Protein backbone atom coordinates (compact mmCIF):
# COMPACT_ATOMS: atom_id res chain seq x y z
CA MET A 1 7.44 -2.05 -19.32
CA LEU A 2 6.67 -1.15 -15.84
CA ARG A 3 9.33 0.70 -14.08
CA HIS A 4 8.53 0.13 -11.09
CA GLU A 5 6.67 -2.90 -8.94
CA PHE A 6 3.47 -2.13 -8.06
CA GLN A 7 2.86 -1.46 -4.32
CA PRO A 8 -0.59 -2.11 -3.52
CA GLY A 9 -0.11 -0.77 -0.28
CA ARG A 10 0.61 2.37 -1.19
CA LEU A 11 -2.21 2.42 -3.47
CA VAL A 12 -4.71 1.64 -0.46
CA GLY A 13 -3.24 4.13 1.52
CA GLY A 14 -3.16 6.98 -0.73
CA LEU A 15 -6.83 6.35 -1.43
CA PHE A 16 -7.56 6.80 2.24
CA LEU A 17 -5.55 10.02 2.44
CA ILE A 18 -6.91 11.96 -1.06
CA ALA A 19 -10.54 10.61 0.55
CA ALA A 20 -10.01 12.83 3.88
CA GLY A 21 -8.71 15.86 1.79
CA ILE A 22 -12.39 15.54 -0.19
CA VAL A 23 -13.97 14.88 3.15
CA TYR A 24 -12.65 18.09 4.48
CA ALA A 25 -12.91 20.26 1.07
CA GLY A 26 -15.95 19.32 0.74
CA ASP A 27 -16.48 20.74 4.68
CA ALA A 28 -14.40 23.94 3.72
CA ARG A 29 -16.91 24.54 0.49
CA GLY A 30 -19.72 24.60 2.65
CA LEU A 31 -21.22 21.47 1.05
CA TRP A 32 -21.32 19.56 4.06
CA HIS A 33 -20.70 19.62 7.62
CA THR A 34 -17.80 17.11 8.50
CA PRO A 35 -17.30 16.80 12.68
CA TRP A 36 -13.35 17.06 13.49
CA PHE A 37 -12.70 13.73 14.92
CA VAL A 38 -13.78 12.12 11.40
CA SER A 39 -10.11 12.31 9.93
CA GLY A 40 -8.77 10.16 13.03
CA PRO A 41 -10.59 7.36 11.90
CA LEU A 42 -9.91 7.86 8.38
CA VAL A 43 -6.31 8.45 8.39
CA VAL A 44 -5.42 5.80 10.81
CA GLY A 45 -8.11 3.15 9.34
CA GLY A 46 -6.17 3.76 5.96
CA LEU A 47 -2.61 3.22 7.05
CA VAL A 48 -3.56 -0.01 8.83
CA LEU A 49 -5.90 -1.16 5.92
CA ALA A 50 -2.53 -0.17 3.74
CA GLY A 51 0.10 -1.78 6.22
CA ALA A 52 -2.24 -5.22 6.42
CA VAL A 53 -2.00 -4.94 2.45
CA SER A 54 1.62 -4.78 2.40
CA VAL A 55 2.27 -7.48 4.19
CA LEU A 56 -0.33 -9.72 2.79
CA CYS A 57 1.46 -8.88 -0.59
CA ARG A 58 5.09 -9.68 0.56
CA ALA A 59 3.93 -12.93 1.71
CA VAL A 60 2.37 -13.64 -1.86
CA ARG A 61 5.57 -12.42 -3.36
CA ARG A 62 7.88 -14.01 -1.33
CA THR A 63 6.30 -17.31 -1.81
CA SER A 64 6.10 -16.98 -5.58
CA ARG A 65 9.81 -16.33 -5.56
CA ARG A 66 10.45 -19.49 -3.98
CA ALA A 67 8.14 -21.68 -5.73
CA GLY A 68 9.45 -20.41 -9.03
CA GLN A 69 13.35 -20.62 -7.72
CA GLY A 70 13.45 -24.64 -7.72
CA GLU A 71 16.82 -25.54 -8.85
CA HIS A 72 17.91 -23.21 -11.11
CA ARG A 73 18.61 -20.18 -9.30
CA PRO A 74 21.30 -18.12 -10.64
CA PRO A 75 24.45 -17.56 -8.81
CA ARG A 76 24.63 -14.65 -6.76
CA ALA A 77 28.29 -12.28 -7.21
CA ASP A 78 29.80 -13.62 -3.97
CA GLU A 79 29.20 -17.32 -5.17
CA ALA A 80 30.36 -16.94 -8.40
CA GLY A 81 34.01 -17.99 -8.66
């Protein structure tokens, strides 16, 4: 059973931030040289992509909820009575 709703935008954002951390950890260990300007596009690009994924996921969920409701919508608390 799921404890919370899956949010792919947060997953994408987290993966890009982890990638930025790995790039700079490799640079700190001396495995490769990373220029200082690499972090900007990596982090900002990841956050922009995460935002786009979140917007797309929300649109898909909204559409599927509307299609699934039909005529059998349960009454809200303020409508009951």
